[in-house]
Amino acid sequence: MMLIVHWLSEIGAILCALAGVVIVLAKLISVITYCELKLVAMLDSAFKVKKAWKKLKDGKRKNRQ
């Protein structure tokens, strides 16, 4: 009887540790996804600025001619 209780206690501790690992991994994935979305937004913004800058430079060239 004591052996079964001991095994159940060990199994419970292992399951608790695994649950903690799963929670940490879920938070890590959430942070990575958030950073990825921020990076995509920054790159999109930079591309728009580059496109606008090129359009402005092309407009100045046409004005000179």
PDB file of N, CA and C in Angstrom:
ATOM      1  N   MET A   1       0.828  -1.202   0.000  1.00  0.00           N
ATOM      2  CA  MET A   1       0.000   0.000   0.000  1.00  0.00           C
ATOM      3  C   MET A   1       0.870   1.263   0.000  1.00  0.00           C
ATOM      4  N   MET A   2       1.881   1.266   0.851  1.00  0.00           N
ATOM      5  CA  MET A   2       2.769   2.431   0.914  1.00  0.00           C
ATOM      6  C   MET A   2       3.514   2.628  -0.402  1.00  0.00           C
ATOM      7  N   LEU A   3       3.847   1.518  -1.064  1.00  0.00           N
ATOM      8  CA  LEU A   3       4.569   1.603  -2.324  1.00  0.00           C
ATOM      9  C   LEU A   3       3.710   2.254  -3.394  1.00  0.00           C
ATOM     10  N   ILE A   4       2.427   1.907  -3.430  1.00  0.00           N
ATOM     11  CA  ILE A   4       1.506   2.499  -4.410  1.00  0.00           C
ATOM     12  C   ILE A   4       1.349   3.993  -4.150  1.00  0.00           C
ATOM     13  N   VAL A   5       1.225   4.378  -2.898  1.00  0.00           N
ATOM     14  CA  VAL A   5       1.095   5.793  -2.542  1.00  0.00           C
ATOM     15  C   VAL A   5       2.360   6.545  -2.950  1.00  0.00           C
ATOM     16  N   HIS A   6       3.510   5.925  -2.730  1.00  0.00           N
ATOM     17  CA  HIS A   6       4.781   6.552  -3.106  1.00  0.00           C
ATOM     18  C   HIS A   6       4.856   6.739  -4.625  1.00  0.00           C
ATOM     19  N   TRP A   7       4.465   5.723  -5.372  1.00  0.00           N
ATOM     20  CA  TRP A   7       4.496   5.820  -6.844  1.00  0.00           C
ATOM     21  C   TRP A   7       3.538   6.900  -7.331  1.00  0.00           C
ATOM     22  N   LEU A   8       2.338   6.951  -6.742  1.00  0.00           N
ATOM     23  CA  LEU A   8       1.370   7.972  -7.146  1.00  0.00           C
ATOM     24  C   LEU A   8       1.897   9.374  -6.843  1.00  0.00           C
ATOM     25  N   SER A   9       2.592   9.495  -5.738  1.00  0.00           N
ATOM     26  CA  SER A   9       3.189  10.773  -5.384  1.00  0.00           C
ATOM     27  C   SER A   9       4.254  11.166  -6.400  1.00  0.00           C
ATOM     28  N   GLU A  10       5.077  10.211  -6.786  1.00  0.00           N
ATOM     29  CA  GLU A  10       6.121  10.474  -7.788  1.00  0.00           C
ATOM     30  C   GLU A  10       5.506  10.843  -9.146  1.00  0.00           C
ATOM     31  N   ILE A  11       4.476  10.127  -9.534  1.00  0.00           N
ATOM     32  CA  ILE A  11       3.797  10.409 -10.808  1.00  0.00           C
ATOM     33  C   ILE A  11       3.178  11.802 -10.766  1.00  0.00           C
ATOM     34  N   GLY A  12       2.589  12.154  -9.653  1.00  0.00           N
ATOM     35  CA  GLY A  12       2.003  13.495  -9.503  1.00  0.00           C
ATOM     36  C   GLY A  12       3.055  14.587  -9.608  1.00  0.00           C
ATOM     37  N   ALA A  13       4.214  14.356  -9.014  1.00  0.00           N
ATOM     38  CA  ALA A  13       5.295  15.341  -9.087  1.00  0.00           C
ATOM     39  C   ALA A  13       5.799  15.494 -10.513  1.00  0.00           C
ATOM     40  N   ILE A  14       5.919  14.382 -11.217  1.00  0.00           N
ATOM     41  CA  ILE A  14       6.361  14.428 -12.617  1.00  0.00           C
ATOM     42  C   ILE A  14       5.347  15.173 -13.477  1.00  0.00           C
ATOM     43  N   LEU A  15       4.070  14.883 -13.279  1.00  0.00           N
ATOM     44  CA  LEU A  15       3.028  15.559 -14.053  1.00  0.00           C
ATOM     45  C   LEU A  15       3.003  17.059 -13.756  1.00  0.00           C
ATOM     46  N   CYS A  16       3.217  17.418 -12.509  1.00  0.00           N
ATOM     47  CA  CYS A  16       3.252  18.833 -12.129  1.00  0.00           C
ATOM     48  C   CYS A  16       4.426  19.530 -12.813  1.00  0.00           C
ATOM     49  N   ALA A  17       5.581  18.881 -12.824  1.00  0.00           N
ATOM     50  CA  ALA A  17       6.756  19.450 -13.482  1.00  0.00           C
ATOM     51  C   ALA A  17       6.518  19.590 -14.981  1.00  0.00           C
ATOM     52  N   LEU A  18       5.904  18.594 -15.588  1.00  0.00           N
ATOM     53  CA  LEU A  18       5.610  18.660 -17.025  1.00  0.00           C
ATOM     54  C   LEU A  18       4.628  19.785 -17.336  1.00  0.00           C
ATOM     55  N   ALA A  19       3.653  19.972 -16.466  1.00  0.00           N
ATOM     56  CA  ALA A  19       2.696  21.066 -16.661  1.00  0.00           C
ATOM     57  C   ALA A  19       3.415  22.409 -16.600  1.00  0.00           C
ATOM     58  N   GLY A  20       4.354  22.538 -15.680  1.00  0.00           N
ATOM     59  CA  GLY A  20       5.137  23.768 -15.589  1.00  0.00           C
ATOM     60  C   GLY A  20       5.943  24.016 -16.843  1.00  0.00           C
ATOM     61  N   VAL A  21       6.545  22.968 -17.384  1.00  0.00           N
ATOM     62  CA  VAL A  21       7.322  23.095 -18.623  1.00  0.00           C
ATOM     63  C   VAL A  21       6.411  23.512 -19.772  1.00  0.00           C
ATOM     64  N   VAL A  22       5.233  22.928 -19.847  1.00  0.00           N
ATOM     65  CA  VAL A  22       4.289  23.275 -20.919  1.00  0.00           C
ATOM     66  C   VAL A  22       3.871  24.740 -20.802  1.00  0.00           C
ATOM     67  N   ILE A  23       3.631  25.206 -19.600  1.00  0.00           N
ATOM     68  CA  ILE A  23       3.242  26.605 -19.396  1.00  0.00           C
ATOM     69  C   ILE A  23       4.370  27.538 -19.828  1.00  0.00           C
ATOM     70  N   VAL A  24       5.606  27.202 -19.448  1.00  0.00           N
ATOM     71  CA  VAL A  24       6.751  28.035 -19.839  1.00  0.00           C
ATOM     72  C   VAL A  24       6.913  28.046 -21.353  1.00  0.00           C
ATOM     73  N   LEU A  25       6.776  26.898 -21.986  1.00  0.00           N
ATOM     74  CA  LEU A  25       6.891  26.830 -23.444  1.00  0.00           C
ATOM     75  C   LEU A  25       5.785  27.636 -24.127  1.00  0.00           C
ATOM     76  N   ALA A  26       4.582  27.591 -23.594  1.00  0.00           N
ATOM     77  CA  ALA A  26       3.478  28.355 -24.171  1.00  0.00           C
ATOM     78  C   ALA A  26       3.752  29.853 -24.068  1.00  0.00           C
ATOM     79  N   LYS A  27       4.275  30.293 -22.937  1.00  0.00           N
ATOM     80  CA  LYS A  27       4.611  31.713 -22.778  1.00  0.00           C
ATOM     81  C   LYS A  27       5.730  32.109 -23.743  1.00  0.00           C
ATOM     82  N   LEU A  28       6.714  31.240 -23.898  1.00  0.00           N
ATOM     83  CA  LEU A  28       7.825  31.511 -24.809  1.00  0.00           C
ATOM     84  C   LEU A  28       7.332  31.632 -26.247  1.00  0.00           C
ATOM     85  N   ILE A  29       6.459  30.744 -26.655  1.00  0.00           N
ATOM     86  CA  ILE A  29       5.892  30.805 -28.002  1.00  0.00           C
ATOM     87  C   ILE A  29       5.086  32.084 -28.173  1.00  0.00           C
ATOM     88  N   SER A  30       4.361  32.472 -27.148  1.00  0.00           N
ATOM     89  CA  SER A  30       3.580  33.705 -27.199  1.00  0.00           C
ATOM     90  C   SER A  30       4.481  34.922 -27.376  1.00  0.00           C
ATOM     91  N   VAL A  31       5.588  34.956 -26.629  1.00  0.00           N
ATOM     92  CA  VAL A  31       6.526  36.078 -26.744  1.00  0.00           C
ATOM     93  C   VAL A  31       7.173  36.105 -28.129  1.00  0.00           C
ATOM     94  N   ILE A  32       7.558  34.947 -28.634  1.00  0.00           N
ATOM     95  CA  ILE A  32       8.171  34.880 -29.966  1.00  0.00           C
ATOM     96  C   ILE A  32       7.190  35.356 -31.026  1.00  0.00           C
ATOM     97  N   THR A  33       5.941  34.945 -30.921  1.00  0.00           N
ATOM     98  CA  THR A  33       4.924  35.363 -31.885  1.00  0.00           C
ATOM     99  C   THR A  33       4.715  36.872 -31.823  1.00  0.00           C
ATOM    100  N   TYR A  34       4.673  37.427 -30.614  1.00  0.00           N
ATOM    101  CA  TYR A  34       4.506  38.879 -30.450  1.00  0.00           C
ATOM    102  C   TYR A  34       5.677  39.624 -31.088  1.00  0.00           C
ATOM    103  N   CYS A  35       6.896  39.153 -30.832  1.00  0.00           N
ATOM    104  CA  CYS A  35       8.083  39.801 -31.413  1.00  0.00           C
ATOM    105  C   CYS A  35       8.079  39.688 -32.939  1.00  0.00           C
ATOM    106  N   GLU A  36       7.646  38.550 -33.428  1.00  0.00           N
ATOM    107  CA  GLU A  36       7.587  38.357 -34.878  1.00  0.00           C
ATOM    108  C   GLU A  36       6.588  39.324 -35.506  1.00  0.00           C
ATOM    109  N   LEU A  37       5.436  39.507 -34.871  1.00  0.00           N
ATOM    110  CA  LEU A  37       4.445  40.439 -35.401  1.00  0.00           C
ATOM    111  C   LEU A  37       4.969  41.872 -35.388  1.00  0.00           C
ATOM    112  N   LYS A  38       5.686  42.242 -34.315  1.00  0.00           N
ATOM    113  CA  LYS A  38       6.283  43.580 -34.237  1.00  0.00           C
ATOM    114  C   LYS A  38       7.323  43.763 -35.339  1.00  0.00           C
ATOM    115  N   LEU A  39       8.137  42.742 -35.571  1.00  0.00           N
ATOM    116  CA  LEU A  39       9.171  42.813 -36.601  1.00  0.00           C
ATOM    117  C   LEU A  39       8.548  42.946 -37.989  1.00  0.00           C
ATOM    118  N   VAL A  40       7.510  42.197 -38.250  1.00  0.00           N
ATOM    119  CA  VAL A  40       6.824  42.293 -39.546  1.00  0.00           C
ATOM    120  C   VAL A  40       6.247  43.688 -39.730  1.00  0.00           C
ATOM    121  N   ALA A  41       5.666  44.242 -38.678  1.00  0.00           N
ATOM    122  CA  ALA A  41       5.112  45.596 -38.768  1.00  0.00           C
ATOM    123  C   ALA A  41       6.215  46.619 -39.032  1.00  0.00           C
ATOM    124  N   MET A  42       7.367  46.453 -38.364  1.00  0.00           N
ATOM    125  CA  MET A  42       8.482  47.377 -38.578  1.00  0.00           C
ATOM    126  C   MET A  42       9.018  47.278 -39.999  1.00  0.00           C
ATOM    127  N   LEU A  43       9.154  46.058 -40.503  1.00  0.00           N
ATOM    128  CA  LEU A  43       9.649  45.878 -41.868  1.00  0.00           C
ATOM    129  C   LEU A  43       8.674  46.442 -42.885  1.00  0.00           C
ATOM    130  N   ASP A  44       7.395  46.254 -42.642  1.00  0.00           N
ATOM    131  CA  ASP A  44       6.377  46.798 -43.535  1.00  0.00           C
ATOM    132  C   ASP A  44       6.439  48.321 -43.544  1.00  0.00           C
ATOM    133  N   SER A  45       6.597  48.907 -42.383  1.00  0.00           N
ATOM    134  CA  SER A  45       6.708  50.355 -42.276  1.00  0.00           C
ATOM    135  C   SER A  45       7.960  50.850 -42.983  1.00  0.00           C
ATOM    136  N   ALA A  46       9.076  50.158 -42.790  1.00  0.00           N
ATOM    137  CA  ALA A  46      10.328  50.550 -43.448  1.00  0.00           C
ATOM    138  C   ALA A  46      10.189  50.450 -44.961  1.00  0.00           C
ATOM    139  N   PHE A  47       9.509  49.433 -45.457  1.00  0.00           N
ATOM    140  CA  PHE A  47       9.312  49.281 -46.898  1.00  0.00           C
ATOM    141  C   PHE A  47       8.473  50.437 -47.448  1.00  0.00           C
ATOM    142  N   LYS A  48       7.451  50.832 -46.689  1.00  0.00           N
ATOM    143  CA  LYS A  48       6.621  51.958 -47.124  1.00  0.00           C
ATOM    144  C   LYS A  48       7.437  53.249 -47.169  1.00  0.00           C
ATOM    145  N   VAL A  49       8.298  53.457 -46.176  1.00  0.00           N
ATOM    146  CA  VAL A  49       9.138  54.654 -46.144  1.00  0.00           C
ATOM    147  C   VAL A  49      10.105  54.642 -47.320  1.00  0.00           C
ATOM    148  N   LYS A  50      10.699  53.489 -47.584  1.00  0.00           N
ATOM    149  CA  LYS A  50      11.638  53.373 -48.705  1.00  0.00           C
ATOM    150  C   LYS A  50      10.934  53.668 -50.024  1.00  0.00           C
ATOM    151  N   LYS A  51       9.737  53.136 -50.170  1.00  0.00           N
ATOM    152  CA  LYS A  51       8.963  53.353 -51.394  1.00  0.00           C
ATOM    153  C   LYS A  51       8.607  54.841 -51.537  1.00  0.00           C
ATOM    154  N   ALA A  52       8.207  55.474 -50.447  1.00  0.00           N
ATOM    155  CA  ALA A  52       7.867  56.899 -50.485  1.00  0.00           C
ATOM    156  C   ALA A  52       9.107  57.734 -50.778  1.00  0.00           C
ATOM    157  N   TRP A  53      10.243  57.361 -50.211  1.00  0.00           N
ATOM    158  CA  TRP A  53      11.489  58.094 -50.443  1.00  0.00           C
ATOM    159  C   TRP A  53      11.893  57.998 -51.912  1.00  0.00           C
ATOM    160  N   LYS A  54      11.760  56.807 -52.483  1.00  0.00           N
ATOM    161  CA  LYS A  54      12.099  56.626 -53.895  1.00  0.00           C
ATOM    162  C   LYS A  54      11.165  57.449 -54.774  1.00  0.00           C
ATOM    163  N   LYS A  55       9.892  57.476 -54.422  1.00  0.00           N
ATOM    164  CA  LYS A  55       8.922  58.252 -55.186  1.00  0.00           C
ATOM    165  C   LYS A  55       9.261  59.741 -55.104  1.00  0.00           C
ATOM    166  N   LEU A  56       9.663  60.201 -53.925  1.00  0.00           N
ATOM    167  CA  LEU A  56      10.045  61.596 -53.744  1.00  0.00           C
ATOM    168  C   LEU A  56      11.285  61.936 -54.565  1.00  0.00           C
ATOM    169  N   LYS A  57      12.288  61.058 -54.554  1.00  0.00           N
ATOM    170  CA  LYS A  57      13.508  61.289 -55.333  1.00  0.00           C
ATOM    171  C   LYS A  57      13.206  61.306 -56.829  1.00  0.00           C
ATOM    172  N   ASP A  58      12.355  60.385 -57.283  1.00  0.00           N
ATOM    173  CA  ASP A  58      11.985  60.346 -58.700  1.00  0.00           C
ATOM    174  C   ASP A  58      11.240  61.619 -59.094  1.00  0.00           C
ATOM    175  N   GLY A  59      10.415  62.118 -58.189  1.00  0.00           N
ATOM    176  CA  GLY A  59       9.674  63.361 -58.453  1.00  0.00           C
ATOM    177  C   GLY A  59      10.633  64.536 -58.581  1.00  0.00           C
ATOM    178  N   LYS A  60      11.671  64.579 -57.749  1.00  0.00           N
ATOM    179  CA  LYS A  60      12.656  65.677 -57.832  1.00  0.00           C
ATOM    180  C   LYS A  60      13.433  65.588 -59.141  1.00  0.00           C
ATOM    181  N   ARG A  61      13.748  64.386 -59.587  1.00  0.00           N
ATOM    182  CA  ARG A  61      14.463  64.229 -60.852  1.00  0.00           C
ATOM    183  C   ARG A  61      13.625  64.717 -62.012  1.00  0.00           C
ATOM    184  N   LYS A  62      12.343  64.442 -61.993  1.00  0.00           N
ATOM    185  CA  LYS A  62      11.450  64.873 -63.081  1.00  0.00           C
ATOM    186  C   LYS A  62      11.329  66.396 -63.073  1.00  0.00           C
ATOM    187  N   ASN A  63      11.331  66.988 -61.882  1.00  0.00           N
ATOM    188  CA  ASN A  63      11.231  68.449 -61.785  1.00  0.00           C
ATOM    189  C   ASN A  63      12.471  69.135 -62.330  1.00  0.00           C
ATOM    190  N   ARG A  64      13.642  68.501 -62.198  1.00  0.00           N
ATOM    191  CA  ARG A  64      14.885  69.104 -62.685  1.00  0.00           C
ATOM    192  C   ARG A  64      14.941  69.083 -64.206  1.00  0.00           C
ATOM    193  N   GLN A  65      14.354  68.073 -64.812  1.00  0.00           N
ATOM    194  CA  GLN A  65      14.438  67.940 -66.273  1.00  0.00           C
ATOM    195  C   GLN A  65      13.493  68.827 -66.951  1.00  0.00           C
TER     196      GLN A  65
END
